[in-house]
Amino acid sequence: MTQDTAANTSNTRRRNRLLLALAGLVAITGVAGAAYWRLHAAHFVSTDNAYAGAEIAQVTPRSAAPSRKCGSRTPRPSAAARCW
């Protein structure tokens, strides 16, 4: 057995051992996540995409006339910015 072949065999064994350890870690993480969900998280309701069963109401103006523009370009409120 030459030195290159021995080093190659050693590297292959080391790589296989590390890949097996990584696969075991992924499997343990998956089992732990599934157990957490089954034993704890499954008992809580999530409302991320909940449907609100409300009636739809149309928003309409009180008058048919257009409203005038109120406000100012400055962020500070002033008497000139109010609409009466």
C-alpha atoms as a PDB file:
ATOM      1  CA  MET A   1       0.000   0.000   0.000  1.00  0.00           C
ATOM      2  CA  THR A   2       1.463   3.315  -1.013  1.00  0.00           C
ATOM      3  CA  GLN A   3       1.341   6.477   1.033  1.00  0.00           C
ATOM      4  CA  ASP A   4      -1.221   8.135  -1.305  1.00  0.00           C
ATOM      5  CA  THR A   5      -3.577   5.173  -1.089  1.00  0.00           C
ATOM      6  CA  ALA A   6      -3.333   5.095   2.718  1.00  0.00           C
ATOM      7  CA  ALA A   7      -4.077   8.829   2.950  1.00  0.00           C
ATOM      8  CA  ASN A   8      -7.003   8.445   0.543  1.00  0.00           C
ATOM      9  CA  THR A   9      -8.453   5.583   2.605  1.00  0.00           C
ATOM     10  CA  SER A  10      -8.040   7.610   5.799  1.00  0.00           C
ATOM     11  CA  ASN A  11      -9.772  10.634   4.237  1.00  0.00           C
ATOM     12  CA  THR A  12     -12.621   8.457   2.960  1.00  0.00           C
ATOM     13  CA  ARG A  13     -13.192   6.945   6.399  1.00  0.00           C
ATOM     14  CA  ARG A  14     -13.099  10.384   8.031  1.00  0.00           C
ATOM     15  CA  ARG A  15     -15.539  11.822   5.460  1.00  0.00           C
ATOM     16  CA  ASN A  16     -17.920   8.880   5.900  1.00  0.00           C
ATOM     17  CA  ARG A  17     -17.799   9.265   9.678  1.00  0.00           C
ATOM     18  CA  LEU A  18     -18.543  13.009   9.462  1.00  0.00           C
ATOM     19  CA  LEU A  19     -21.386  12.498   6.989  1.00  0.00           C
ATOM     20  CA  LEU A  20     -22.876   9.831   9.230  1.00  0.00           C
ATOM     21  CA  ALA A  21     -22.635  12.214  12.204  1.00  0.00           C
ATOM     22  CA  LEU A  22     -24.342  14.962  10.171  1.00  0.00           C
ATOM     23  CA  ALA A  23     -27.118  12.590   9.094  1.00  0.00           C
ATOM     24  CA  GLY A  24     -27.615  11.548  12.722  1.00  0.00           C
ATOM     25  CA  LEU A  25     -27.787  15.179  13.818  1.00  0.00           C
ATOM     26  CA  VAL A  26     -30.404  15.960  11.151  1.00  0.00           C
ATOM     27  CA  ALA A  27     -32.441  12.914  12.174  1.00  0.00           C
ATOM     28  CA  ILE A  28     -32.282  13.806  15.878  1.00  0.00           C
ATOM     29  CA  THR A  29     -33.300  17.399  15.118  1.00  0.00           C
ATOM     30  CA  GLY A  30     -36.252  16.193  13.039  1.00  0.00           C
ATOM     31  CA  VAL A  31     -37.431  13.800  15.725  1.00  0.00           C
ATOM     32  CA  ALA A  32     -37.061  16.489  18.407  1.00  0.00           C
ATOM     33  CA  GLY A  33     -38.995  19.008  16.314  1.00  0.00           C
ATOM     34  CA  ALA A  34     -41.788  16.532  15.628  1.00  0.00           C
ATOM     35  CA  ALA A  35     -41.985  15.615  19.318  1.00  0.00           C
ATOM     36  CA  TYR A  36     -42.124  19.292  20.315  1.00  0.00           C
ATOM     37  CA  TRP A  37     -44.920  19.954  17.849  1.00  0.00           C
ATOM     38  CA  ARG A  38     -46.889  16.861  18.854  1.00  0.00           C
ATOM     39  CA  LEU A  39     -46.523  17.296  22.618  1.00  0.00           C
ATOM     40  CA  HIS A  40     -46.656  21.082  22.962  1.00  0.00           C
ATOM     41  CA  ALA A  41     -47.260  23.246  19.886  1.00  0.00           C
ATOM     42  CA  ALA A  42     -50.216  21.285  18.501  1.00  0.00           C
ATOM     43  CA  HIS A  43     -52.361  22.385  21.435  1.00  0.00           C
ATOM     44  CA  PHE A  44     -52.378  26.065  20.392  1.00  0.00           C
ATOM     45  CA  VAL A  45     -54.477  27.593  17.634  1.00  0.00           C
ATOM     46  CA  SER A  46     -52.764  29.771  15.061  1.00  0.00           C
ATOM     47  CA  THR A  47     -54.622  32.621  13.380  1.00  0.00           C
ATOM     48  CA  ASP A  48     -52.163  33.549  10.645  1.00  0.00           C
ATOM     49  CA  ASN A  49     -54.669  33.155   7.813  1.00  0.00           C
ATOM     50  CA  ALA A  50     -57.884  33.297   9.775  1.00  0.00           C
ATOM     51  CA  TYR A  51     -61.102  34.230   8.003  1.00  0.00           C
ATOM     52  CA  ALA A  52     -63.110  36.928   9.730  1.00  0.00           C
ATOM     53  CA  GLY A  53     -66.763  36.147   9.183  1.00  0.00           C
ATOM     54  CA  ALA A  54     -67.829  39.805   9.047  1.00  0.00           C
ATOM     55  CA  GLU A  55     -70.289  41.511   6.787  1.00  0.00           C
ATOM     56  CA  ILE A  56     -68.894  43.753   4.083  1.00  0.00           C
ATOM     57  CA  ALA A  57     -69.838  47.407   4.476  1.00  0.00           C
ATOM     58  CA  GLN A  58     -69.330  49.978   1.758  1.00  0.00           C
ATOM     59  CA  VAL A  59     -67.833  53.258   2.885  1.00  0.00           C
ATOM     60  CA  THR A  60     -69.660  56.189   1.288  1.00  0.00           C
ATOM     61  CA  PRO A  61     -69.244  59.963   1.643  1.00  0.00           C
ATOM     62  CA  ARG A  62     -71.869  62.144   3.336  1.00  0.00           C
ATOM     63  CA  SER A  63     -72.052  64.485   0.378  1.00  0.00           C
ATOM     64  CA  ALA A  64     -71.515  64.136  -3.334  1.00  0.00           C
ATOM     65  CA  ALA A  65     -69.251  67.181  -3.465  1.00  0.00           C
ATOM     66  CA  PRO A  66     -65.466  66.754  -3.501  1.00  0.00           C
ATOM     67  CA  SER A  67     -63.692  67.599  -0.287  1.00  0.00           C
ATOM     68  CA  ARG A  68     -61.103  70.315  -0.104  1.00  0.00           C
ATOM     69  CA  LYS A  69     -57.490  69.576   0.549  1.00  0.00           C
ATOM     70  CA  CYS A  70     -56.414  70.133   4.134  1.00  0.00           C
ATOM     71  CA  GLY A  71     -52.995  70.051   5.654  1.00  0.00           C
ATOM     72  CA  SER A  72     -49.584  71.474   5.095  1.00  0.00           C
ATOM     73  CA  ARG A  73     -46.272  70.252   3.845  1.00  0.00           C
ATOM     74  CA  THR A  74     -44.586  70.704   7.218  1.00  0.00           C
ATOM     75  CA  PRO A  75     -44.842  67.976   9.835  1.00  0.00           C
ATOM     76  CA  ARG A  76     -45.724  70.468  12.597  1.00  0.00           C
ATOM     77  CA  PRO A  77     -49.415  71.243  13.093  1.00  0.00           C
ATOM     78  CA  SER A  78     -50.362  74.867  12.648  1.00  0.00           C
ATOM     79  CA  ALA A  79     -53.523  76.934  12.580  1.00  0.00           C
ATOM     80  CA  ALA A  80     -53.272  77.284   8.803  1.00  0.00           C
ATOM     81  CA  ALA A  81     -53.219  73.527   8.355  1.00  0.00           C
ATOM     82  CA  ARG A  82     -56.611  72.941   9.955  1.00  0.00           C
ATOM     83  CA  CYS A  83     -59.799  72.669   7.935  1.00  0.00           C
ATOM     84  CA  TRP A  84     -62.933  74.199   9.431  1.00  0.00           C
END
